[in-house]
């Protein structure tokens, strides 16, 4: 199974949700190979996986300066030179995560992110737009799928978590094509509500202006019989809670998000994995998230007490940690 964590809005916690969900899934399913795929040019989740802020940044820089680069951008370099055939080097970009970060479980792997994705997007668009061969668009948009398919053939049914950039750029299109299901984190604001509508238009072609309908992403995917992922779960992230439920202000904003999702479901039921409730609350964990990101720690490795973050003591309280663990146990249970 391949999950893309994506929302057309930035700042909703996609990278953090990717890291925690993948780590919790790996803990619950130790028999499974879990692969985190970083398709965001900022490569934030790669830094956390590689050891957290600071150490992870140094490790990522080593990957970026290697020849060839041991990142998804390094793989795309090869595919730009060979756009219509796989290279044979696909599995060389798969990194065992705890080689870099011993805090992580043995079954976690990484395809590292790369800032060059922004530059490569133009080349991807140019090659995909070529008239010959006639299936250029399809071939190019399956580059990431080719990579994941090769890993799947070599290993026993791995599970992939793909961290996506909010922009619906060429590299995001590749991530969408490579995935089976979408996890769509939202926060309590109007932009998150609008982003649900944007997903309907960008991915599923709902209400695309007539002038662009023939060249829309969904139309082209349909032309080449490329299946699109279904919306599987919509975490309502960073909710301020009262008596273990989202506060009234947050609940009101989440109602607007749910209404947009219901409208999308009415327009295209096939865009969803199930008709059942897709929503769940993830509380605002504050210090838990800071410790996780800075040290590259999964939830089950965080202990109660103080952590030193940039020469300051950061306290991890019991209630906050337990609420967070419960929320992600709920999320992983739905996968």
C-alpha atoms as a PDB file:
ATOM      1  CA  UNK A   1       0.000   0.000   0.000  1.00  0.00           C
ATOM      2  CA  UNK A   2       1.169   3.498  -0.861  1.00  0.00           C
ATOM      3  CA  UNK A   3      -0.050   6.536   1.068  1.00  0.00           C
ATOM      4  CA  UNK A   4       0.587  10.096  -0.122  1.00  0.00           C
ATOM      5  CA  UNK A   5       0.331  12.719   2.617  1.00  0.00           C
ATOM      6  CA  UNK A   6      -0.816  15.808   0.770  1.00  0.00           C
ATOM      7  CA  UNK A   7      -2.886  18.938   1.024  1.00  0.00           C
ATOM      8  CA  UNK A   8      -2.831  21.856  -1.393  1.00  0.00           C
ATOM      9  CA  UNK A   9      -2.295  24.121   1.630  1.00  0.00           C
ATOM     10  CA  UNK A  10       1.063  24.545   3.332  1.00  0.00           C
ATOM     11  CA  UNK A  11       1.667  24.567   7.071  1.00  0.00           C
ATOM     12  CA  UNK A  12      -0.801  21.819   7.990  1.00  0.00           C
ATOM     13  CA  UNK A  13       1.872  19.457   9.345  1.00  0.00           C
ATOM     14  CA  UNK A  14       2.233  17.055   6.408  1.00  0.00           C
ATOM     15  CA  UNK A  15       5.892  16.208   7.039  1.00  0.00           C
ATOM     16  CA  UNK A  16       5.365  15.701  10.747  1.00  0.00           C
ATOM     17  CA  UNK A  17       2.278  13.526  10.176  1.00  0.00           C
ATOM     18  CA  UNK A  18       4.287  11.521   7.627  1.00  0.00           C
ATOM     19  CA  UNK A  19       7.134  10.862  10.059  1.00  0.00           C
ATOM     20  CA  UNK A  20       5.016   9.974  13.085  1.00  0.00           C
ATOM     21  CA  UNK A  21       2.533   7.855  11.112  1.00  0.00           C
ATOM     22  CA  UNK A  22       5.285   5.894   9.357  1.00  0.00           C
ATOM     23  CA  UNK A  23       7.166   5.299  12.618  1.00  0.00           C
ATOM     24  CA  UNK A  24       4.042   4.203  14.475  1.00  0.00           C
ATOM     25  CA  UNK A  25       3.050   1.930  11.593  1.00  0.00           C
ATOM     26  CA  UNK A  26       6.530   0.377  11.655  1.00  0.00           C
ATOM     27  CA  UNK A  27       6.253  -0.204  15.412  1.00  0.00           C
ATOM     28  CA  UNK A  28       2.820  -1.854  15.132  1.00  0.00           C
ATOM     29  CA  UNK A  29       3.872  -3.902  12.086  1.00  0.00           C
ATOM     30  CA  UNK A  30       7.505  -4.942  12.712  1.00  0.00           C
ATOM     31  CA  UNK A  31       7.203  -7.603   9.997  1.00  0.00           C
ATOM     32  CA  UNK A  32       6.577  -4.892   7.361  1.00  0.00           C
ATOM     33  CA  UNK A  33       9.156  -2.871   5.471  1.00  0.00           C
ATOM     34  CA  UNK A  34       8.113   0.785   5.827  1.00  0.00           C
ATOM     35  CA  UNK A  35       9.503   3.299   3.335  1.00  0.00           C
ATOM     36  CA  UNK A  36       9.276   7.072   3.804  1.00  0.00           C
ATOM     37  CA  UNK A  37       9.491   8.808   0.431  1.00  0.00           C
ATOM     38  CA  UNK A  38      10.334  12.517   0.546  1.00  0.00           C
ATOM     39  CA  UNK A  39       8.811  14.298  -2.455  1.00  0.00           C
ATOM     40  CA  UNK A  40       9.071  17.789  -1.014  1.00  0.00           C
ATOM     41  CA  UNK A  41      11.971  20.036  -2.154  1.00  0.00           C
ATOM     42  CA  UNK A  42      12.325  21.325   1.416  1.00  0.00           C
ATOM     43  CA  UNK A  43      13.231  17.761   2.466  1.00  0.00           C
ATOM     44  CA  UNK A  44      12.046  18.375   6.030  1.00  0.00           C
ATOM     45  CA  UNK A  45      10.983  14.804   6.713  1.00  0.00           C
ATOM     46  CA  UNK A  46      14.367  13.564   5.446  1.00  0.00           C
ATOM     47  CA  UNK A  47      16.179  15.695   8.019  1.00  0.00           C
ATOM     48  CA  UNK A  48      14.019  14.282  10.818  1.00  0.00           C
ATOM     49  CA  UNK A  49      14.468  10.684   9.629  1.00  0.00           C
ATOM     50  CA  UNK A  50      18.235  11.182   9.297  1.00  0.00           C
ATOM     51  CA  UNK A  51      18.601  12.267  12.912  1.00  0.00           C
ATOM     52  CA  UNK A  52      16.591  15.414  13.508  1.00  0.00           C
ATOM     53  CA  UNK A  53      17.296  19.085  13.013  1.00  0.00           C
ATOM     54  CA  UNK A  54      21.060  19.661  12.947  1.00  0.00           C
ATOM     55  CA  UNK A  55      22.412  16.126  12.643  1.00  0.00           C
ATOM     56  CA  UNK A  56      19.839  15.230  10.004  1.00  0.00           C
ATOM     57  CA  UNK A  57      20.677  18.327   7.989  1.00  0.00           C
ATOM     58  CA  UNK A  58      24.353  17.325   7.946  1.00  0.00           C
ATOM     59  CA  UNK A  59      23.511  13.783   6.852  1.00  0.00           C
ATOM     60  CA  UNK A  60      21.231  15.070   4.108  1.00  0.00           C
ATOM     61  CA  UNK A  61      23.969  17.357   2.840  1.00  0.00           C
ATOM     62  CA  UNK A  62      26.272  14.325   2.477  1.00  0.00           C
ATOM     63  CA  UNK A  63      23.630  12.580   0.371  1.00  0.00           C
ATOM     64  CA  UNK A  64      23.148  15.697  -1.745  1.00  0.00           C
ATOM     65  CA  UNK A  65      26.875  16.087  -2.439  1.00  0.00           C
ATOM     66  CA  UNK A  66      27.502  12.417  -3.229  1.00  0.00           C
ATOM     67  CA  UNK A  67      28.084  11.341  -6.843  1.00  0.00           C
ATOM     68  CA  UNK A  68      25.462  10.365  -7.824  1.00  0.00           C
ATOM     69  CA  UNK A  69      23.214  12.046  -5.282  1.00  0.00           C
ATOM     70  CA  UNK A  70      21.563   9.415  -3.076  1.00  0.00           C
ATOM     71  CA  UNK A  71      18.231  11.203  -3.178  1.00  0.00           C
ATOM     72  CA  UNK A  72      15.041  11.120  -5.205  1.00  0.00           C
ATOM     73  CA  UNK A  73      16.532  13.998  -7.201  1.00  0.00           C
ATOM     74  CA  UNK A  74      19.522  11.807  -8.038  1.00  0.00           C
ATOM     75  CA  UNK A  75      17.145   9.169  -9.381  1.00  0.00           C
ATOM     76  CA  UNK A  76      15.290  11.764 -11.453  1.00  0.00           C
ATOM     77  CA  UNK A  77      18.636  12.900 -12.893  1.00  0.00           C
ATOM     78  CA  UNK A  78      18.975   9.391 -14.309  1.00  0.00           C
ATOM     79  CA  UNK A  79      15.407   9.377 -15.602  1.00  0.00           C
ATOM     80  CA  UNK A  80      15.824  12.742 -17.314  1.00  0.00           C
ATOM     81  CA  UNK A  81      18.633  11.090 -19.287  1.00  0.00           C
ATOM     82  CA  UNK A  82      16.520   7.949 -19.807  1.00  0.00           C
ATOM     83  CA  UNK A  83      12.916   9.160 -19.644  1.00  0.00           C
ATOM     84  CA  UNK A  84      11.203   6.152 -21.218  1.00  0.00           C
ATOM     85  CA  UNK A  85      13.097   3.233 -19.643  1.00  0.00           C
ATOM     86  CA  UNK A  86      14.084   2.341 -16.090  1.00  0.00           C
ATOM     87  CA  UNK A  87      17.754   2.623 -15.192  1.00  0.00           C
ATOM     88  CA  UNK A  88      18.360  -0.622 -13.305  1.00  0.00           C
ATOM     89  CA  UNK A  89      19.712   1.381 -10.355  1.00  0.00           C
ATOM     90  CA  UNK A  90      16.375   2.009  -8.668  1.00  0.00           C
ATOM     91  CA  UNK A  91      17.029   0.198  -5.385  1.00  0.00           C
ATOM     92  CA  UNK A  92      20.365   1.972  -4.881  1.00  0.00           C
ATOM     93  CA  UNK A  93      18.405   5.019  -3.675  1.00  0.00           C
ATOM     94  CA  UNK A  94      16.785   3.110  -0.817  1.00  0.00           C
ATOM     95  CA  UNK A  95      18.422   4.003   2.515  1.00  0.00           C
ATOM     96  CA  UNK A  96      18.133   2.039   5.762  1.00  0.00           C
ATOM     97  CA  UNK A  97      17.052   4.741   8.186  1.00  0.00           C
ATOM     98  CA  UNK A  98      18.553   3.498  11.452  1.00  0.00           C
ATOM     99  CA  UNK A  99      22.014   3.454   9.855  1.00  0.00           C
ATOM    100  CA  UNK A 100      21.751   7.230  10.177  1.00  0.00           C
ATOM    101  CA  UNK A 101      19.351   7.501  13.105  1.00  0.00           C
ATOM    102  CA  UNK A 102      19.549   4.629  15.642  1.00  0.00           C
ATOM    103  CA  UNK A 103      16.376   5.893  17.323  1.00  0.00           C
ATOM    104  CA  UNK A 104      14.351   4.410  14.465  1.00  0.00           C
ATOM    105  CA  UNK A 105      13.162   0.841  14.152  1.00  0.00           C
ATOM    106  CA  UNK A 106      14.981  -1.633  11.900  1.00  0.00           C
ATOM    107  CA  UNK A 107      12.158  -1.837   9.358  1.00  0.00           C
ATOM    108  CA  UNK A 108      12.117   1.871   8.391  1.00  0.00           C
ATOM    109  CA  UNK A 109      13.714   3.011   5.118  1.00  0.00           C
ATOM    110  CA  UNK A 110      14.007   6.347   3.319  1.00  0.00           C
ATOM    111  CA  UNK A 111      14.038   7.741  -0.194  1.00  0.00           C
ATOM    112  CA  UNK A 112      15.606  11.101   0.646  1.00  0.00           C
ATOM    113  CA  UNK A 113      14.285  14.424  -0.577  1.00  0.00           C
ATOM    114  CA  UNK A 114      16.150  16.903  -2.736  1.00  0.00           C
ATOM    115  CA  UNK A 115      15.829  20.684  -3.319  1.00  0.00           C
ATOM    116  CA  UNK A 116      16.618  20.017  -6.998  1.00  0.00           C
ATOM    117  CA  UNK A 117      13.037  18.830  -7.459  1.00  0.00           C
ATOM    118  CA  UNK A 118      12.098  22.465  -8.049  1.00  0.00           C
ATOM    119  CA  UNK A 119      14.601  22.754 -10.904  1.00  0.00           C
ATOM    120  CA  UNK A 120      13.790  19.316 -12.265  1.00  0.00           C
ATOM    121  CA  UNK A 121      10.090  20.141 -12.464  1.00  0.00           C
ATOM    122  CA  UNK A 122      10.669  22.203 -15.601  1.00  0.00           C
ATOM    123  CA  UNK A 123      12.562  19.365 -17.279  1.00  0.00           C
ATOM    124  CA  UNK A 124       9.832  16.928 -16.256  1.00  0.00           C
ATOM    125  CA  UNK A 125       7.198  19.156 -17.852  1.00  0.00           C
ATOM    126  CA  UNK A 126       9.186  19.550 -21.051  1.00  0.00           C
ATOM    127  CA  UNK A 127       9.804  15.826 -21.505  1.00  0.00           C
ATOM    128  CA  UNK A 128       6.217  14.940 -20.586  1.00  0.00           C
ATOM    129  CA  UNK A 129       4.969  17.431 -23.190  1.00  0.00           C
ATOM    130  CA  UNK A 130       6.833  15.854 -26.102  1.00  0.00           C
ATOM    131  CA  UNK A 131       4.638  14.435 -28.855  1.00  0.00           C
ATOM    132  CA  UNK A 132       6.930  11.456 -29.479  1.00  0.00           C
ATOM    133  CA  UNK A 133       6.754   8.872 -28.212  1.00  0.00           C
ATOM    134  CA  UNK A 134       2.978   9.300 -27.929  1.00  0.00           C
ATOM    135  CA  UNK A 135       2.935   8.046 -24.336  1.00  0.00           C
ATOM    136  CA  UNK A 136       5.554  10.525 -23.087  1.00  0.00           C
ATOM    137  CA  UNK A 137       3.240  12.042 -20.474  1.00  0.00           C
ATOM    138  CA  UNK A 138       2.418   8.623 -19.060  1.00  0.00           C
ATOM    139  CA  UNK A 139       6.028   7.419 -19.036  1.00  0.00           C
ATOM    140  CA  UNK A 140       7.319  10.501 -17.239  1.00  0.00           C
ATOM    141  CA  UNK A 141       4.507  10.596 -14.706  1.00  0.00           C
ATOM    142  CA  UNK A 142       5.327   7.018 -13.694  1.00  0.00           C
ATOM    143  CA  UNK A 143       8.981   7.669 -12.801  1.00  0.00           C
ATOM    144  CA  UNK A 144       8.305   7.516  -9.058  1.00  0.00           C
ATOM    145  CA  UNK A 145       5.899   4.623  -9.553  1.00  0.00           C
ATOM    146  CA  UNK A 146       8.664   2.766 -11.404  1.00  0.00           C
ATOM    147  CA  UNK A 147      10.986   3.307  -8.452  1.00  0.00           C
ATOM    148  CA  UNK A 148       8.428   2.079  -5.908  1.00  0.00           C
ATOM    149  CA  UNK A 149       7.435  -0.863  -8.115  1.00  0.00           C
ATOM    150  CA  UNK A 150      11.068  -1.988  -8.268  1.00  0.00           C
ATOM    151  CA  UNK A 151      11.385  -1.839  -4.476  1.00  0.00           C
ATOM    152  CA  UNK A 152       8.106  -3.743  -4.149  1.00  0.00           C
ATOM    153  CA  UNK A 153       9.291  -6.497  -6.477  1.00  0.00           C
ATOM    154  CA  UNK A 154      12.540  -6.921  -4.555  1.00  0.00           C
ATOM    155  CA  UNK A 155      11.022  -6.801  -1.074  1.00  0.00           C
ATOM    156  CA  UNK A 156       7.954  -8.412   0.446  1.00  0.00           C
ATOM    157  CA  UNK A 157       4.979  -6.051   0.152  1.00  0.00           C
ATOM    158  CA  UNK A 158       6.448  -2.851   1.645  1.00  0.00           C
ATOM    159  CA  UNK A 159       4.257   0.052   2.794  1.00  0.00           C
ATOM    160  CA  UNK A 160       5.135   3.521   1.498  1.00  0.00           C
ATOM    161  CA  UNK A 161       4.426   6.918   3.056  1.00  0.00           C
ATOM    162  CA  UNK A 162       5.038   9.727   0.548  1.00  0.00           C
ATOM    163  CA  UNK A 163       5.484  13.245   1.933  1.00  0.00           C
ATOM    164  CA  UNK A 164       4.305  15.774  -0.651  1.00  0.00           C
ATOM    165  CA  UNK A 165       4.811  19.472  -1.216  1.00  0.00           C
ATOM    166  CA  UNK A 166       1.613  21.588  -1.154  1.00  0.00           C
ATOM    167  CA  UNK A 167       2.226  22.853  -4.672  1.00  0.00           C
ATOM    168  CA  UNK A 168       0.607  20.754  -7.390  1.00  0.00           C
ATOM    169  CA  UNK A 169       3.827  20.853  -9.366  1.00  0.00           C
ATOM    170  CA  UNK A 170       5.187  18.137 -11.670  1.00  0.00           C
ATOM    171  CA  UNK A 171       6.856  16.252  -8.808  1.00  0.00           C
ATOM    172  CA  UNK A 172       3.592  16.269  -6.832  1.00  0.00           C
ATOM    173  CA  UNK A 173       1.786  14.840  -9.854  1.00  0.00           C
ATOM    174  CA  UNK A 174       4.335  11.990  -9.899  1.00  0.00           C
ATOM    175  CA  UNK A 175       3.696  11.372  -6.194  1.00  0.00           C
ATOM    176  CA  UNK A 176      -0.065  11.270  -6.720  1.00  0.00           C
ATOM    177  CA  UNK A 177       0.274   8.803  -9.615  1.00  0.00           C
ATOM    178  CA  UNK A 178       2.535   6.590  -7.469  1.00  0.00           C
ATOM    179  CA  UNK A 179       0.100   6.408  -4.533  1.00  0.00           C
ATOM    180  CA  UNK A 180      -2.976   4.311  -3.742  1.00  0.00           C
ATOM    181  CA  UNK A 181      -4.501   6.452  -1.020  1.00  0.00           C
ATOM    182  CA  UNK A 182      -4.356  10.041   0.213  1.00  0.00           C
ATOM    183  CA  UNK A 183      -3.964  11.187   3.805  1.00  0.00           C
ATOM    184  CA  UNK A 184      -5.064  14.847   3.840  1.00  0.00           C
ATOM    185  CA  UNK A 185      -4.043  16.722   7.014  1.00  0.00           C
ATOM    186  CA  UNK A 186      -6.013  19.905   7.693  1.00  0.00           C
ATOM    187  CA  UNK A 187      -5.826  22.634  10.284  1.00  0.00           C
ATOM    188  CA  UNK A 188      -8.652  24.786  11.639  1.00  0.00           C
ATOM    189  CA  UNK A 189      -8.714  27.578   9.080  1.00  0.00           C
ATOM    190  CA  UNK A 190     -10.562  28.619   5.940  1.00  0.00           C
ATOM    191  CA  UNK A 191      -7.596  27.794   3.732  1.00  0.00           C
ATOM    192  CA  UNK A 192      -7.785  24.132   4.730  1.00  0.00           C
ATOM    193  CA  UNK A 193     -11.468  24.110   3.840  1.00  0.00           C
ATOM    194  CA  UNK A 194     -10.751  25.586   0.419  1.00  0.00           C
ATOM    195  CA  UNK A 195      -7.925  23.093  -0.057  1.00  0.00           C
ATOM    196  CA  UNK A 196     -10.442  20.218   0.038  1.00  0.00           C
ATOM    197  CA  UNK A 197     -12.204  21.815  -2.931  1.00  0.00           C
ATOM    198  CA  UNK A 198      -8.838  22.332  -4.631  1.00  0.00           C
ATOM    199  CA  UNK A 199      -8.080  18.607  -4.300  1.00  0.00           C
ATOM    200  CA  UNK A 200     -11.344  17.866  -6.065  1.00  0.00           C
ATOM    201  CA  UNK A 201     -10.375  20.060  -8.983  1.00  0.00           C
ATOM    202  CA  UNK A 202      -6.647  19.341  -9.206  1.00  0.00           C
ATOM    203  CA  UNK A 203      -6.698  15.569  -8.692  1.00  0.00           C
ATOM    204  CA  UNK A 204     -10.188  14.486  -9.722  1.00  0.00           C
ATOM    205  CA  UNK A 205     -11.104  17.134 -12.314  1.00  0.00           C
ATOM    206  CA  UNK A 206     -14.213  18.426 -10.551  1.00  0.00           C
ATOM    207  CA  UNK A 207     -15.268  21.845 -11.892  1.00  0.00           C
ATOM    208  CA  UNK A 208     -12.175  22.304 -14.043  1.00  0.00           C
ATOM    209  CA  UNK A 209     -12.799  25.286 -16.383  1.00  0.00           C
ATOM    210  CA  UNK A 210     -13.853  24.061 -19.821  1.00  0.00           C
ATOM    211  CA  UNK A 211     -10.839  25.711 -21.490  1.00  0.00           C
ATOM    212  CA  UNK A 212      -8.468  23.467 -19.486  1.00  0.00           C
ATOM    213  CA  UNK A 213     -10.506  20.272 -19.202  1.00  0.00           C
ATOM    214  CA  UNK A 214      -8.713  18.471 -22.040  1.00  0.00           C
ATOM    215  CA  UNK A 215      -5.256  19.075 -20.539  1.00  0.00           C
ATOM    216  CA  UNK A 216      -6.141  18.633 -16.865  1.00  0.00           C
ATOM    217  CA  UNK A 217      -4.216  16.148 -14.745  1.00  0.00           C
ATOM    218  CA  UNK A 218      -7.261  13.915 -14.218  1.00  0.00           C
ATOM    219  CA  UNK A 219      -8.094  13.858 -17.942  1.00  0.00           C
ATOM    220  CA  UNK A 220      -4.559  12.901 -18.900  1.00  0.00           C
ATOM    221  CA  UNK A 221      -4.381  10.234 -16.201  1.00  0.00           C
ATOM    222  CA  UNK A 222      -7.646   8.785 -17.520  1.00  0.00           C
ATOM    223  CA  UNK A 223      -6.349   8.882 -21.103  1.00  0.00           C
ATOM    224  CA  UNK A 224      -3.453   6.614 -20.129  1.00  0.00           C
ATOM    225  CA  UNK A 225      -5.535   4.481 -17.725  1.00  0.00           C
ATOM    226  CA  UNK A 226      -3.482   5.602 -14.735  1.00  0.00           C
ATOM    227  CA  UNK A 227      -5.535   5.031 -11.561  1.00  0.00           C
ATOM    228  CA  UNK A 228      -5.792   7.894  -9.083  1.00  0.00           C
ATOM    229  CA  UNK A 229      -5.555   7.468  -5.306  1.00  0.00           C
ATOM    230  CA  UNK A 230      -8.597   7.682  -3.076  1.00  0.00           C
ATOM    231  CA  UNK A 231      -8.981  10.022  -0.103  1.00  0.00           C
ATOM    232  CA  UNK A 232      -8.592   7.678   2.840  1.00  0.00           C
ATOM    233  CA  UNK A 233      -8.428   9.778   5.983  1.00  0.00           C
ATOM    234  CA  UNK A 234      -8.496  13.493   6.829  1.00  0.00           C
ATOM    235  CA  UNK A 235      -6.650  14.195  10.094  1.00  0.00           C
ATOM    236  CA  UNK A 236      -7.794  17.424  11.749  1.00  0.00           C
ATOM    237  CA  UNK A 237      -4.376  18.422  12.964  1.00  0.00           C
ATOM    238  CA  UNK A 238      -3.265  20.623  15.859  1.00  0.00           C
ATOM    239  CA  UNK A 239      -6.720  20.952  17.407  1.00  0.00           C
ATOM    240  CA  UNK A 240      -6.968  22.739  20.733  1.00  0.00           C
ATOM    241  CA  UNK A 241      -8.931  20.361  22.939  1.00  0.00           C
ATOM    242  CA  UNK A 242     -11.297  20.667  25.874  1.00  0.00           C
ATOM    243  CA  UNK A 243     -12.261  17.505  27.765  1.00  0.00           C
ATOM    244  CA  UNK A 244     -10.549  15.406  25.038  1.00  0.00           C
ATOM    245  CA  UNK A 245     -12.588  16.954  22.218  1.00  0.00           C
ATOM    246  CA  UNK A 246     -11.822  19.802  19.845  1.00  0.00           C
ATOM    247  CA  UNK A 247     -12.785  23.168  21.362  1.00  0.00           C
ATOM    248  CA  UNK A 248     -15.891  24.960  20.063  1.00  0.00           C
ATOM    249  CA  UNK A 249     -13.898  27.351  17.873  1.00  0.00           C
ATOM    250  CA  UNK A 250     -11.937  24.529  16.293  1.00  0.00           C
ATOM    251  CA  UNK A 251     -15.045  22.374  15.911  1.00  0.00           C
ATOM    252  CA  UNK A 252     -16.789  25.167  14.034  1.00  0.00           C
ATOM    253  CA  UNK A 253     -13.929  25.447  11.551  1.00  0.00           C
ATOM    254  CA  UNK A 254     -13.707  21.692  11.194  1.00  0.00           C
ATOM    255  CA  UNK A 255     -17.418  21.653  10.342  1.00  0.00           C
ATOM    256  CA  UNK A 256     -16.623  23.811   7.315  1.00  0.00           C
ATOM    257  CA  UNK A 257     -13.902  21.353   6.261  1.00  0.00           C
ATOM    258  CA  UNK A 258     -16.283  18.422   6.679  1.00  0.00           C
ATOM    259  CA  UNK A 259     -18.925  20.210   4.609  1.00  0.00           C
ATOM    260  CA  UNK A 260     -16.435  20.660   1.758  1.00  0.00           C
ATOM    261  CA  UNK A 261     -15.513  16.978   1.969  1.00  0.00           C
ATOM    262  CA  UNK A 262     -19.190  15.996   1.880  1.00  0.00           C
ATOM    263  CA  UNK A 263     -19.671  18.134  -1.228  1.00  0.00           C
ATOM    264  CA  UNK A 264     -16.665  16.464  -2.868  1.00  0.00           C
ATOM    265  CA  UNK A 265     -18.049  13.058  -1.960  1.00  0.00           C
ATOM    266  CA  UNK A 266     -21.382  13.941  -3.563  1.00  0.00           C
ATOM    267  CA  UNK A 267     -19.623  15.022  -6.748  1.00  0.00           C
ATOM    268  CA  UNK A 268     -17.358  11.954  -6.959  1.00  0.00           C
ATOM    269  CA  UNK A 269     -17.921   9.064  -4.550  1.00  0.00           C
ATOM    270  CA  UNK A 270     -15.078   7.186  -6.231  1.00  0.00           C
ATOM    271  CA  UNK A 271     -12.619   9.769  -4.938  1.00  0.00           C
ATOM    272  CA  UNK A 272     -12.983   8.284  -1.441  1.00  0.00           C
ATOM    273  CA  UNK A 273     -11.884   4.899  -0.144  1.00  0.00           C
ATOM    274  CA  UNK A 274     -15.077   4.528   1.842  1.00  0.00           C
ATOM    275  CA  UNK A 275     -18.323   6.293   2.648  1.00  0.00           C
ATOM    276  CA  UNK A 276     -17.491   6.029   6.353  1.00  0.00           C
ATOM    277  CA  UNK A 277     -16.288   8.984   8.416  1.00  0.00           C
ATOM    278  CA  UNK A 278     -12.832   9.992   7.128  1.00  0.00           C
ATOM    279  CA  UNK A 279     -12.056  12.411   9.964  1.00  0.00           C
ATOM    280  CA  UNK A 280     -10.067  12.149  13.176  1.00  0.00           C
ATOM    281  CA  UNK A 281      -8.638  14.674  15.616  1.00  0.00           C
ATOM    282  CA  UNK A 282      -4.928  15.075  16.277  1.00  0.00           C
ATOM    283  CA  UNK A 283      -4.300  17.391  19.234  1.00  0.00           C
ATOM    284  CA  UNK A 284      -1.746  20.157  19.262  1.00  0.00           C
ATOM    285  CA  UNK A 285       1.187  18.486  21.001  1.00  0.00           C
ATOM    286  CA  UNK A 286       3.536  21.505  21.226  1.00  0.00           C
ATOM    287  CA  UNK A 287       6.630  20.193  23.071  1.00  0.00           C
ATOM    288  CA  UNK A 288       6.134  16.630  21.802  1.00  0.00           C
ATOM    289  CA  UNK A 289       6.405  17.783  18.204  1.00  0.00           C
ATOM    290  CA  UNK A 290       9.433  19.957  18.983  1.00  0.00           C
ATOM    291  CA  UNK A 291      11.299  17.055  20.615  1.00  0.00           C
ATOM    292  CA  UNK A 292      10.374  14.656  17.827  1.00  0.00           C
ATOM    293  CA  UNK A 293      11.542  16.956  15.057  1.00  0.00           C
ATOM    294  CA  UNK A 294      14.723  18.124  16.780  1.00  0.00           C
ATOM    295  CA  UNK A 295      15.962  14.687  17.843  1.00  0.00           C
ATOM    296  CA  UNK A 296      14.396  12.449  15.196  1.00  0.00           C
ATOM    297  CA  UNK A 297      12.492  10.515  17.855  1.00  0.00           C
ATOM    298  CA  UNK A 298       9.376   8.443  17.128  1.00  0.00           C
ATOM    299  CA  UNK A 299       6.568   8.706  19.670  1.00  0.00           C
ATOM    300  CA  UNK A 300       7.341   5.401  21.372  1.00  0.00           C
ATOM    301  CA  UNK A 301      10.910   6.548  22.075  1.00  0.00           C
ATOM    302  CA  UNK A 302       9.893   9.819  23.781  1.00  0.00           C
ATOM    303  CA  UNK A 303      10.097   9.723  27.567  1.00  0.00           C
ATOM    304  CA  UNK A 304       8.430  12.022  30.061  1.00  0.00           C
ATOM    305  CA  UNK A 305      10.554  14.824  31.419  1.00  0.00           C
ATOM    306  CA  UNK A 306      12.981  17.414  30.118  1.00  0.00           C
ATOM    307  CA  UNK A 307      14.872  17.552  26.830  1.00  0.00           C
ATOM    308  CA  UNK A 308      17.493  20.117  25.963  1.00  0.00           C
ATOM    309  CA  UNK A 309      16.589  21.849  22.697  1.00  0.00           C
ATOM    310  CA  UNK A 310      18.992  24.593  21.561  1.00  0.00           C
ATOM    311  CA  UNK A 311      20.308  25.089  25.107  1.00  0.00           C
ATOM    312  CA  UNK A 312      16.804  25.306  26.553  1.00  0.00           C
ATOM    313  CA  UNK A 313      14.940  22.768  28.630  1.00  0.00           C
ATOM    314  CA  UNK A 314      11.737  21.530  26.987  1.00  0.00           C
ATOM    315  CA  UNK A 315       9.265  19.641  29.137  1.00  0.00           C
ATOM    316  CA  UNK A 316       7.256  16.706  27.745  1.00  0.00           C
ATOM    317  CA  UNK A 317       4.109  16.392  29.901  1.00  0.00           C
ATOM    318  CA  UNK A 318       2.325  13.074  30.387  1.00  0.00           C
ATOM    319  CA  UNK A 319      -1.150  14.165  29.245  1.00  0.00           C
ATOM    320  CA  UNK A 320       0.133  15.724  26.035  1.00  0.00           C
ATOM    321  CA  UNK A 321       2.213  12.693  25.114  1.00  0.00           C
ATOM    322  CA  UNK A 322      -0.620  10.252  25.863  1.00  0.00           C
ATOM    323  CA  UNK A 323      -3.151  12.239  23.825  1.00  0.00           C
ATOM    324  CA  UNK A 324      -0.761  12.303  20.911  1.00  0.00           C
ATOM    325  CA  UNK A 325      -0.062   8.573  21.134  1.00  0.00           C
ATOM    326  CA  UNK A 326      -3.787   7.823  21.218  1.00  0.00           C
ATOM    327  CA  UNK A 327      -4.466  10.012  18.180  1.00  0.00           C
ATOM    328  CA  UNK A 328      -1.808   8.366  16.042  1.00  0.00           C
ATOM    329  CA  UNK A 329      -2.814   4.902  17.229  1.00  0.00           C
ATOM    330  CA  UNK A 330      -6.254   5.764  15.863  1.00  0.00           C
ATOM    331  CA  UNK A 331      -4.744   6.957  12.568  1.00  0.00           C
ATOM    332  CA  UNK A 332      -2.532   3.901  12.119  1.00  0.00           C
ATOM    333  CA  UNK A 333      -5.484   1.676  12.983  1.00  0.00           C
ATOM    334  CA  UNK A 334      -7.314   3.050   9.957  1.00  0.00           C
ATOM    335  CA  UNK A 335      -4.538   2.213   7.498  1.00  0.00           C
END
